Amino acid sequence: MSTSYYLTTPIYYVNDKPHIGHAYTTLACDVLARFKRLDGYDVMFLTGTDEHGQKVQKSAEEKGIDPKAFTDQVSQNFRDLTATLNFTNDDFIRTTEDRHYAACQKLWAKLIENGDIYLDSYKGWYAVRDEAFYAESEITDGKAPTGAPVEWVEEPSYFFRLSAFQDRLLAFYDANPDFVAPKSRFNEVKSFVKGGLMDLSVSRASFSWGVPVPGDDAHVMYVWLDALTNYMTAAGYGQDGGESEYAKRWPADLHMVGKDILRFHAVYWPAFLMAAELPTPKRVFAHGWWTNEGQKISKSLGNVIDPVEIANTYGLDQMRYFLLREVPFGNDGDFSHTAMVHRMNGDLANDLGNLSQRVLSMIFKNCDGVMPTRPAQLTEADAPILAALDGLLEGQRKHYDSQMFHEALKEIWEVVSAANRYVDDMAPWALRKTDIDRMKDVLWVLAEILRQVAILIQPVMPEASQNMLDQLGVAADERGFDQLGGATRLSGGWTLE
């Protein structure tokens, strides 16, 4: 039976249209999901939309429509984006679905039963934009640390006993050193928890757009308690007949998030789960943010990057490659058209495109369009490059498991560069006149390199790799990672298209 692998994007807040940040997180998950599928895993990849809270209610009121109609519209934008950008999510969850209400209410009942939720009243600063509460010490000039305006809120509220989980969380972090990545972000999380935890307000009574608190209709659940539960909803938690799916999928292998929402995922979420005696996710990765030509992206500056526009301008595979290759994943990055063009011309056109073009056209011209067959004997010149090629998968697995996509791509491109040098060193165009058999062997080595490279880049560049494999004549059912390394080689002997 294949191993389950469950990964999630954050669910995106529906008060606006999708931008490059949403596309970046979902792309990283898509690439990882594709990689794991090719490596034989039973993958579940989840994305979706977060549709409750005061901010959504306000946005809907401004548009003069009810919140459900508003969220139906905006959620569709995110669903459309997954199709446009060729994402392969297995489920798309909306927090306004019945299945999600059932999961939230089940979790709430468990927290009440275990004595971790109590009724009191809340007084403090609240930022509607962040849907977050802030301490007096965090407020500067009437604004939260994020720059969001805050308002003073006084209302009855249910509280979660977060303060009781400080030691348990710190012990959990020590026992699970890979729980949060990158390391620098994990250090931020630990120092936040060491600084002391206050009980968390987990309901609101001043508006009604949310999951109703079981047994107290005057309250709706705090949007973050509701939102985080989505990961379990989609895995079958709280669903009739969902037990076997839940047992297979939960805990999640990876929650991919932006660094701005790490605290919710690495502090509040594991605490809620510990309180409910449920397994905690295995890993949370917080990636960085993009700037635009050196400037912070903001609606007021009018420099929001539309991922669909970028894909239309440069090509979808090109955009996917650039976003994952340009910046070490986890760091902040700057999007610039110059850098995009540089990567396309350098890595994609000159290195890989040129190699593919040269090899296939030489086979076509010098071998009557027939793929050379596997040589009986390779020379000393062939062994090192094939050894480097055959060793790629192990490194790829390591890099994908640590979400170091840029490193994975870098290693593949080192072999591509070596292959370009090998072409020049072997000079198959000269061998055509002096040693036709050796020329065929060299072209076979190069075609084998292209075959394995094309299989390995499928997660990042699905269309380009498919075209390459089609051109090489590789059968559709021979493109998984079980076809890599020395175990299976290009047999050759067929006529190229």
Protein backbone atom coordinates (compact mmCIF):
# COMPACT_ATOMS: atom_id res chain seq x y z
CA MET A 1 0.00 0.00 0.00
CA SER A 2 1.41 3.41 -0.89
CA THR A 3 2.22 5.84 1.90
CA SER A 4 -0.18 8.73 2.46
CA TYR A 5 1.14 12.28 2.11
CA TYR A 6 -1.17 15.13 3.09
CA LEU A 7 -0.21 18.75 2.44
CA THR A 8 -2.15 21.99 2.64
CA THR A 9 -2.00 25.61 1.58
CA PRO A 10 -3.46 28.14 3.99
CA ILE A 11 -7.06 28.81 3.11
CA TYR A 12 -7.19 32.18 1.44
CA TYR A 13 -9.19 35.05 2.82
CA VAL A 14 -11.94 36.05 0.41
CA ASN A 15 -12.10 39.80 0.87
CA ASP A 16 -9.95 40.38 -2.23
CA LYS A 17 -8.80 38.85 -5.53
CA PRO A 18 -5.86 36.43 -5.74
CA HIS A 19 -2.33 37.85 -6.14
CA ILE A 20 1.23 36.53 -6.51
CA GLY A 21 1.47 35.60 -2.81
CA HIS A 22 -1.48 33.21 -3.09
CA ALA A 23 -0.10 31.75 -6.31
CA TYR A 24 3.37 31.27 -4.75
CA THR A 25 2.16 29.26 -1.75
CA THR A 26 -0.15 27.10 -3.85
CA LEU A 27 2.57 26.58 -6.47
CA ALA A 28 5.00 25.31 -3.82
CA CYS A 29 2.38 22.82 -2.63
CA ASP A 30 1.51 21.81 -6.18
CA VAL A 31 5.13 21.08 -7.03
CA LEU A 32 5.56 19.04 -3.85
CA ALA A 33 2.30 17.14 -4.46
CA ARG A 34 3.35 16.30 -8.03
CA PHE A 35 6.78 15.18 -6.82
CA LYS A 36 5.31 12.87 -4.18
CA ARG A 37 2.83 11.36 -6.64
CA LEU A 38 5.64 10.61 -9.09
CA ASP A 39 7.53 9.03 -6.18
CA GLY A 40 4.67 6.62 -5.48
CA TYR A 41 2.86 8.36 -2.59
CA ASP A 42 -0.90 8.51 -2.12
CA VAL A 43 -1.15 12.31 -2.06
CA MET A 44 -3.88 14.57 -0.78
CA PHE A 45 -3.31 18.23 -1.63
CA LEU A 46 -5.77 20.72 -0.16
CA THR A 47 -6.44 24.39 -0.80
CA GLY A 48 -9.52 26.55 -0.33
CA THR A 49 -11.04 29.75 1.05
CA ASP A 50 -11.58 31.21 4.49
CA GLU A 51 -14.96 32.92 4.33
CA HIS A 52 -16.04 34.03 7.81
CA GLY A 53 -15.22 36.94 10.07
CA GLN A 54 -15.87 40.61 10.54
CA LYS A 55 -13.73 41.67 7.59
CA VAL A 56 -15.81 39.60 5.15
CA GLN A 57 -19.07 40.84 6.67
CA LYS A 58 -17.86 44.46 6.26
CA SER A 59 -16.70 43.90 2.65
CA ALA A 60 -20.08 42.37 1.79
CA GLU A 61 -21.96 45.27 3.43
CA GLU A 62 -19.89 47.76 1.41
CA LYS A 63 -20.95 45.94 -1.78
CA GLY A 64 -24.57 45.85 -0.59
CA ILE A 65 -24.89 42.04 -0.82
CA ASP A 66 -25.21 39.34 1.77
CA PRO A 67 -22.00 37.64 2.96
CA LYS A 68 -22.83 34.26 1.40
CA ALA A 69 -23.40 35.76 -2.08
CA PHE A 70 -20.21 37.79 -1.66
CA THR A 71 -18.12 34.76 -0.66
CA ASP A 72 -19.59 32.68 -3.50
CA GLN A 73 -18.24 35.26 -5.95
CA VAL A 74 -14.79 35.74 -4.46
CA SER A 75 -14.20 32.08 -3.65
CA GLN A 76 -14.76 31.31 -7.34
CA ASN A 77 -11.81 33.61 -8.22
CA PHE A 78 -9.52 31.39 -6.16
CA ARG A 79 -10.98 28.22 -7.64
CA ASP A 80 -10.45 29.64 -11.14
CA LEU A 81 -6.82 30.46 -10.29
CA THR A 82 -6.08 26.81 -9.46
CA ALA A 83 -7.26 25.80 -12.95
CA THR A 84 -5.52 28.67 -14.77
CA LEU A 85 -2.16 27.98 -13.11
CA ASN A 86 -2.43 24.20 -13.61
CA PHE A 87 -2.56 23.31 -9.90
CA THR A 88 -3.49 19.73 -9.06
CA ASN A 89 -5.25 20.10 -5.68
CA ASP A 90 -7.40 17.10 -4.75
CA ASP A 91 -9.94 19.13 -2.78
CA PHE A 92 -11.01 22.75 -2.51
CA ILE A 93 -12.57 23.57 0.83
CA ARG A 94 -14.82 26.50 1.72
CA THR A 95 -15.41 27.28 5.38
CA THR A 96 -19.07 27.98 4.60
CA GLU A 97 -19.69 24.30 3.78
CA ASP A 98 -21.84 22.11 6.04
CA ARG A 99 -19.02 19.58 6.46
CA HIS A 100 -16.87 22.33 7.94
CA TYR A 101 -19.52 23.54 10.38
CA ALA A 102 -19.78 19.93 11.62
CA ALA A 103 -16.00 19.66 12.15
CA CYS A 104 -15.71 23.01 13.97
CA GLN A 105 -18.60 22.24 16.28
CA LYS A 106 -17.19 18.80 17.08
CA LEU A 107 -13.80 20.33 17.99
CA TRP A 108 -15.47 23.04 20.09
CA ALA A 109 -17.51 20.45 22.00
CA LYS A 110 -14.31 18.51 22.75
CA LEU A 111 -12.53 21.64 24.03
CA ILE A 112 -15.52 22.45 26.28
CA GLU A 113 -15.67 18.87 27.53
CA ASN A 114 -11.96 18.97 28.44
CA GLY A 115 -12.39 22.26 30.31
CA ASP A 116 -10.20 24.32 27.97
CA ILE A 117 -12.86 26.87 26.98
CA TYR A 118 -14.65 29.20 29.44
CA LEU A 119 -16.98 32.23 29.17
CA ASP A 120 -15.76 35.67 30.24
CA SER A 121 -15.65 39.12 28.65
CA TYR A 122 -13.03 40.54 26.32
CA LYS A 123 -11.53 44.00 26.55
CA GLY A 124 -8.73 44.90 24.23
CA TRP A 125 -7.37 45.93 20.87
CA TYR A 126 -8.55 44.14 17.76
CA ALA A 127 -7.43 44.57 14.13
CA VAL A 128 -10.26 43.71 11.74
CA ARG A 129 -7.83 43.53 8.83
CA ASP A 130 -5.70 40.84 10.55
CA GLU A 131 -8.64 39.27 12.41
CA ALA A 132 -6.24 39.31 15.38
CA PHE A 133 -6.07 40.57 18.96
CA TYR A 134 -3.07 42.63 20.11
CA ALA A 135 -1.61 43.50 23.51
CA GLU A 136 -1.25 47.14 24.57
CA SER A 137 2.54 46.77 24.27
CA GLU A 138 2.22 45.86 20.58
CA ILE A 139 0.25 48.98 19.59
CA THR A 140 2.05 52.02 18.12
CA ASP A 141 0.13 55.15 17.00
CA GLY A 142 -3.16 53.24 16.97
CA LYS A 143 -1.77 50.50 14.74
CA ALA A 144 -0.85 46.83 15.12
CA PRO A 145 2.71 45.64 14.33
CA THR A 146 1.41 44.77 10.83
CA GLY A 147 0.33 48.36 10.26
CA ALA A 148 -3.36 47.45 10.49
CA PRO A 149 -5.59 49.93 12.35
CA VAL A 150 -6.91 48.58 15.67
CA GLU A 151 -10.13 49.26 17.51
CA TRP A 152 -11.01 48.87 21.19
CA VAL A 153 -13.42 45.97 21.70
CA GLU A 154 -15.45 45.14 24.81
CA GLU A 155 -17.83 42.19 24.55
CA PRO A 156 -18.66 38.85 26.16
CA SER A 157 -16.36 36.15 24.80
CA TYR A 158 -15.41 32.53 25.22
CA PHE A 159 -11.71 32.05 25.97
CA PHE A 160 -9.34 29.19 25.24
CA ARG A 161 -6.86 28.44 28.05
CA LEU A 162 -3.78 29.07 25.92
CA SER A 163 -1.80 30.11 29.02
CA ALA A 164 -1.96 26.51 30.25
CA PHE A 165 -0.06 25.25 27.19
CA GLN A 166 3.20 27.19 27.41
CA ASP A 167 5.30 24.36 28.88
CA ARG A 168 3.64 21.69 26.75
CA LEU A 169 4.33 23.68 23.58
CA LEU A 170 7.98 24.28 24.49
CA ALA A 171 8.44 20.57 25.29
CA PHE A 172 6.76 19.72 21.97
CA TYR A 173 9.12 22.06 20.06
CA ASP A 174 12.15 20.44 21.74
CA ALA A 175 10.91 16.97 20.85
CA ASN A 176 10.17 17.98 17.23
CA PRO A 177 13.12 20.06 15.97
CA ASP A 178 11.80 20.06 12.38
CA PHE A 179 8.26 21.15 13.30
CA VAL A 180 8.77 24.69 11.93
CA ALA A 181 11.05 25.74 9.09
CA PRO A 182 13.07 27.76 8.28
CA LYS A 183 15.00 27.62 11.59
CA SER A 184 14.97 31.40 12.02
CA ARG A 185 11.16 31.35 12.06
CA PHE A 186 11.11 28.50 14.56
CA ASN A 187 13.29 30.60 16.85
CA GLU A 188 10.74 33.45 16.61
CA VAL A 189 7.93 31.05 17.55
CA LYS A 190 9.85 29.70 20.56
CA SER A 191 10.71 33.15 21.87
CA PHE A 192 7.07 34.24 21.51
CA VAL A 193 5.92 31.25 23.60
CA LYS A 194 8.73 31.70 26.16
CA GLY A 195 7.54 35.30 26.59
CA GLY A 196 4.33 33.95 28.19
CA LEU A 197 0.94 33.15 26.69
CA MET A 198 -2.37 34.85 27.47
CA ASP A 199 -5.69 33.05 27.16
CA LEU A 200 -7.14 33.54 23.70
CA SER A 201 -10.57 34.97 22.92
CA VAL A 202 -12.22 32.35 20.67
CA SER A 203 -15.68 33.77 20.03
CA ARG A 204 -17.29 37.03 18.96
CA ALA A 205 -20.73 38.32 19.87
CA SER A 206 -20.69 41.67 18.01
CA PHE A 207 -21.38 40.19 14.56
CA SER A 208 -22.99 37.03 13.23
CA TRP A 209 -21.05 35.90 10.17
CA GLY A 210 -19.30 32.75 11.35
CA VAL A 211 -19.75 29.21 12.66
CA PRO A 212 -22.29 29.34 15.50
CA VAL A 213 -20.99 28.29 18.91
CA PRO A 214 -22.82 25.07 19.88
CA GLY A 215 -25.39 25.79 22.57
CA ASP A 216 -24.92 29.58 22.48
CA ASP A 217 -26.26 31.26 19.33
CA ALA A 218 -25.27 34.71 20.57
CA HIS A 219 -21.67 33.82 19.67
CA VAL A 220 -19.82 32.80 16.51
CA MET A 221 -16.42 31.14 16.63
CA TYR A 222 -13.33 33.32 16.28
CA VAL A 223 -12.37 33.10 12.62
CA TRP A 224 -8.96 31.54 13.28
CA LEU A 225 -10.29 28.62 15.31
CA ASP A 226 -12.76 28.02 12.49
CA ALA A 227 -10.13 28.49 9.74
CA LEU A 228 -7.47 26.19 11.15
CA THR A 229 -9.97 23.38 11.58
CA ASN A 230 -10.40 23.23 7.77
CA TYR A 231 -7.33 21.00 7.54
CA MET A 232 -9.10 18.33 9.57
CA THR A 233 -12.49 18.87 7.93
CA ALA A 234 -11.07 17.94 4.53
CA ALA A 235 -9.41 14.87 6.07
CA GLY A 236 -12.83 13.61 7.21
CA TYR A 237 -12.95 14.87 10.82
CA GLY A 238 -16.51 15.30 12.09
CA GLN A 239 -17.98 13.74 8.91
CA ASP A 240 -20.34 10.79 8.88
CA GLY A 241 -18.30 7.94 7.47
CA GLY A 242 -15.12 10.05 7.42
CA GLU A 243 -13.27 8.00 10.05
CA SER A 244 -11.15 5.85 7.71
CA GLU A 245 -10.10 8.82 5.58
CA TYR A 246 -9.25 10.78 8.74
CA ALA A 247 -7.22 7.85 10.12
CA LYS A 248 -5.29 7.69 6.85
CA ARG A 249 -4.70 11.42 6.36
CA TRP A 250 -4.33 13.03 9.78
CA PRO A 251 -2.00 14.40 11.02
CA ALA A 252 -1.04 16.49 7.99
CA ASP A 253 2.52 16.04 6.75
CA LEU A 254 2.93 19.72 5.89
CA HIS A 255 1.12 23.02 6.33
CA MET A 256 2.61 25.53 3.89
CA VAL A 257 2.01 29.13 5.06
CA GLY A 258 3.24 32.69 4.59
CA LYS A 259 5.41 33.98 7.44
CA ASP A 260 2.70 36.45 8.55
CA ILE A 261 0.40 33.64 9.76
CA LEU A 262 3.02 31.42 11.36
CA ARG A 263 1.96 32.18 14.95
CA PHE A 264 -1.55 30.85 14.32
CA HIS A 265 -0.19 27.61 12.82
CA ALA A 266 2.75 26.98 15.13
CA VAL A 267 1.32 28.16 18.48
CA TYR A 268 -2.50 28.30 18.53
CA TRP A 269 -3.16 25.31 16.27
CA PRO A 270 -0.99 22.74 18.09
CA ALA A 271 -2.40 24.03 21.41
CA PHE A 272 -6.01 23.54 20.22
CA LEU A 273 -5.13 20.02 19.06
CA MET A 274 -3.30 19.09 22.26
CA ALA A 275 -6.30 20.32 24.26
CA ALA A 276 -8.61 18.15 22.15
CA GLU A 277 -6.23 15.18 22.50
CA LEU A 278 -5.69 15.06 18.73
CA PRO A 279 -2.43 14.53 16.79
CA THR A 280 -0.51 17.67 15.79
CA PRO A 281 0.68 18.31 12.20
CA LYS A 282 4.18 17.09 11.40
CA ARG A 283 5.61 20.27 9.90
CA VAL A 284 4.82 23.91 9.19
CA PHE A 285 6.88 25.77 6.59
CA ALA A 286 6.68 29.58 6.54
CA HIS A 287 7.90 31.08 3.27
CA GLY A 288 8.88 34.68 2.58
CA TRP A 289 7.20 37.53 0.71
CA TRP A 290 7.72 38.96 -2.75
CA THR A 291 8.45 42.60 -3.47
CA ASN A 292 7.90 44.15 -6.91
CA GLU A 293 11.04 45.66 -8.49
CA GLY A 294 12.32 46.39 -4.96
CA GLN A 295 9.07 47.91 -3.64
CA LYS A 296 6.72 46.45 -1.05
CA ILE A 297 3.58 45.25 -2.81
CA SER A 298 0.45 47.15 -1.85
CA LYS A 299 -2.88 48.08 -3.37
CA SER A 300 -2.30 51.76 -2.58
CA LEU A 301 0.93 51.74 -4.63
CA GLY A 302 -0.93 49.91 -7.41
CA ASN A 303 1.93 47.42 -7.85
CA VAL A 304 0.13 44.19 -7.05
CA ILE A 305 1.49 41.37 -9.24
CA ASP A 306 -1.19 39.40 -11.05
CA PRO A 307 0.10 35.82 -11.50
CA VAL A 308 -2.23 35.21 -14.45
CA GLU A 309 -0.78 38.22 -16.26
CA ILE A 310 2.79 36.99 -15.64
CA ALA A 311 1.88 33.50 -16.90
CA ASN A 312 0.23 34.99 -20.00
CA THR A 313 3.25 37.20 -20.69
CA TYR A 314 6.08 34.73 -20.15
CA GLY A 315 4.46 31.29 -20.14
CA LEU A 316 3.13 29.25 -17.24
CA ASP A 317 6.04 26.80 -16.91
CA GLN A 318 8.49 29.70 -17.14
CA MET A 319 6.74 31.50 -14.27
CA ARG A 320 6.62 28.31 -12.17
CA TYR A 321 10.35 27.75 -12.71
CA PHE A 322 11.29 31.35 -11.94
CA LEU A 323 9.32 31.59 -8.69
CA LEU A 324 10.91 28.43 -7.28
CA ARG A 325 14.44 28.90 -8.65
CA GLU A 326 15.11 32.61 -8.19
CA VAL A 327 14.97 32.81 -4.38
CA PRO A 328 15.90 30.31 -1.64
CA PHE A 329 12.47 29.11 -0.52
CA GLY A 330 11.75 30.63 2.88
CA ASN A 331 13.50 33.94 2.10
CA ASP A 332 11.88 37.11 0.81
CA GLY A 333 12.29 37.65 -2.94
CA ASP A 334 12.06 40.46 -5.42
CA PHE A 335 10.09 40.01 -8.62
CA SER A 336 11.64 41.85 -11.53
CA HIS A 337 11.00 41.48 -15.24
CA THR A 338 14.76 41.63 -15.89
CA ALA A 339 15.40 38.69 -13.55
CA MET A 340 12.54 36.74 -15.12
CA VAL A 341 13.89 37.25 -18.65
CA HIS A 342 17.43 36.43 -17.46
CA ARG A 343 16.31 33.06 -16.02
CA MET A 344 14.28 32.23 -19.13
CA ASN A 345 17.11 33.06 -21.53
CA GLY A 346 19.82 31.51 -19.37
CA ASP A 347 18.55 28.39 -17.61
CA LEU A 348 15.62 27.54 -19.86
CA ALA A 349 16.51 28.58 -23.41
CA ASN A 350 20.33 28.42 -23.45
CA ASP A 351 20.93 25.53 -21.05
CA LEU A 352 18.04 23.08 -21.28
CA GLY A 353 16.33 24.23 -24.49
CA ASN A 354 19.59 24.37 -26.41
CA LEU A 355 20.69 20.93 -25.16
CA SER A 356 17.38 19.37 -26.13
CA GLN A 357 17.36 21.08 -29.53
CA ARG A 358 20.96 20.07 -30.37
CA VAL A 359 20.57 16.43 -29.33
CA LEU A 360 17.23 15.79 -31.01
CA SER A 361 18.20 17.53 -34.24
CA MET A 362 21.48 15.55 -34.44
CA ILE A 363 19.60 12.28 -33.88
CA PHE A 364 17.12 13.32 -36.51
CA LYS A 365 19.76 14.33 -39.04
CA ASN A 366 22.54 11.83 -38.39
CA CYS A 367 20.63 8.70 -37.30
CA ASP A 368 17.82 8.86 -39.87
CA GLY A 369 15.45 9.99 -37.11
CA VAL A 370 15.88 6.71 -35.19
CA MET A 371 16.68 6.87 -31.46
CA PRO A 372 20.08 5.18 -30.93
CA THR A 373 19.96 1.94 -28.95
CA ARG A 374 21.64 1.44 -25.60
CA PRO A 375 25.41 0.92 -26.08
CA ALA A 376 26.88 -2.45 -25.13
CA GLN A 377 29.92 -0.70 -23.69
CA LEU A 378 30.31 2.86 -22.38
CA THR A 379 33.63 4.68 -22.28
CA GLU A 380 35.36 6.38 -19.38
CA ALA A 381 34.14 9.71 -20.72
CA ASP A 382 30.50 8.61 -20.34
CA ALA A 383 30.61 7.17 -16.82
CA PRO A 384 30.92 10.34 -14.68
CA ILE A 385 28.01 12.18 -16.25
CA LEU A 386 25.74 9.13 -16.08
CA ALA A 387 26.73 8.57 -12.44
CA ALA A 388 25.84 12.21 -11.63
CA LEU A 389 22.55 11.77 -13.48
CA ASP A 390 21.66 8.50 -11.73
CA GLY A 391 22.40 10.04 -8.34
CA LEU A 392 20.01 12.97 -8.75
CA LEU A 393 16.85 11.42 -7.28
CA GLU A 394 18.23 10.94 -3.78
CA GLY A 395 19.22 14.61 -3.53
CA GLN A 396 15.87 15.68 -5.01
CA ARG A 397 13.99 13.76 -2.31
CA LYS A 398 16.05 15.39 0.41
CA HIS A 399 15.52 18.89 -0.99
CA TYR A 400 11.78 18.42 -1.57
CA ASP A 401 11.31 17.03 1.95
CA SER A 402 12.97 20.14 3.36
CA GLN A 403 11.15 22.42 0.86
CA MET A 404 14.44 23.58 -0.68
CA PHE A 405 13.05 23.75 -4.21
CA HIS A 406 15.79 26.11 -5.43
CA GLU A 407 18.47 23.58 -4.37
CA ALA A 408 16.65 20.75 -6.14
CA LEU A 409 16.55 22.75 -9.39
CA LYS A 410 20.14 23.89 -9.00
CA GLU A 411 21.35 20.27 -8.82
CA ILE A 412 19.42 19.28 -11.95
CA TRP A 413 20.84 22.26 -13.84
CA GLU A 414 24.39 21.30 -12.81
CA VAL A 415 23.88 18.05 -14.74
CA VAL A 416 22.35 20.00 -17.66
CA SER A 417 25.46 22.23 -17.77
CA ALA A 418 27.71 19.17 -17.60
CA ALA A 419 25.74 17.67 -20.50
CA ASN A 420 26.30 20.80 -22.58
CA ARG A 421 30.05 20.53 -21.88
CA TYR A 422 29.94 16.83 -22.77
CA VAL A 423 28.41 17.64 -26.18
CA ASP A 424 31.25 20.08 -26.89
CA ASP A 425 33.94 17.65 -25.64
CA MET A 426 32.60 14.66 -27.60
CA ALA A 427 31.77 16.67 -30.74
CA PRO A 428 29.30 14.15 -32.22
CA TRP A 429 29.20 16.21 -35.46
CA ALA A 430 32.91 15.37 -35.97
CA LEU A 431 32.40 11.71 -34.96
CA ARG A 432 29.88 11.42 -37.80
CA LYS A 433 32.82 11.50 -40.22
CA THR A 434 35.23 9.31 -38.22
CA ASP A 435 33.30 6.89 -35.96
CA ILE A 436 29.56 6.64 -36.56
CA ASP A 437 29.02 4.00 -33.83
CA ARG A 438 30.68 6.19 -31.22
CA MET A 439 28.59 9.13 -32.42
CA LYS A 440 25.42 7.08 -31.81
CA ASP A 441 26.62 6.10 -28.32
CA VAL A 442 27.27 9.75 -27.42
CA LEU A 443 23.83 10.77 -28.68
CA TRP A 444 22.28 7.92 -26.67
CA VAL A 445 24.01 9.17 -23.49
CA LEU A 446 22.65 12.66 -24.17
CA ALA A 447 19.13 11.37 -24.87
CA GLU A 448 19.25 9.38 -21.60
CA ILE A 449 20.25 12.58 -19.77
CA LEU A 450 17.33 14.43 -21.36
CA ARG A 451 14.95 11.59 -20.43
CA GLN A 452 15.87 11.61 -16.74
CA VAL A 453 16.01 15.41 -16.52
CA ALA A 454 12.57 15.66 -18.13
CA ILE A 455 11.14 13.13 -15.64
CA LEU A 456 12.64 15.06 -12.70
CA ILE A 457 11.39 18.50 -13.79
CA GLN A 458 7.79 17.30 -14.25
CA PRO A 459 6.66 18.74 -10.88
CA VAL A 460 7.93 22.24 -11.71
CA MET A 461 7.40 22.39 -15.48
CA PRO A 462 4.66 19.89 -16.32
CA GLU A 463 4.02 21.06 -19.89
CA ALA A 464 7.63 21.48 -21.00
CA SER A 465 8.66 18.12 -19.53
CA GLN A 466 5.72 16.39 -21.20
CA ASN A 467 6.77 17.84 -24.57
CA MET A 468 10.35 16.68 -24.03
CA LEU A 469 9.29 13.15 -23.08
CA ASP A 470 6.90 13.01 -26.04
CA GLN A 471 9.71 14.07 -28.39
CA LEU A 472 12.04 11.43 -26.95
CA GLY A 473 9.37 8.77 -27.47
CA VAL A 474 9.06 7.87 -23.76
CA ALA A 475 5.78 6.02 -23.10
CA ALA A 476 3.23 7.79 -20.88
CA ASP A 477 3.39 5.01 -18.26
CA GLU A 478 7.20 5.20 -18.03
CA ARG A 479 7.51 8.67 -16.55
CA GLY A 480 7.44 7.97 -12.80
CA PHE A 481 10.47 8.12 -10.51
CA ASP A 482 10.67 4.32 -10.59
CA GLN A 483 12.11 4.82 -14.10
CA LEU A 484 15.10 6.85 -12.86
CA GLY A 485 18.68 5.82 -12.13
CA GLY A 486 20.44 2.92 -13.78
CA ALA A 487 17.60 0.45 -13.25
CA THR A 488 15.80 1.40 -16.46
CA ARG A 489 17.55 2.98 -19.41
CA LEU A 490 16.42 4.37 -22.72
CA SER A 491 16.28 1.28 -24.93
CA GLY A 492 15.99 3.18 -28.22
CA GLY A 493 15.34 1.81 -31.69
CA TRP A 494 12.16 3.76 -32.43
CA THR A 495 11.58 6.48 -35.00
CA LEU A 496 11.24 9.99 -33.60
CA GLU A 497 8.29 12.20 -34.53
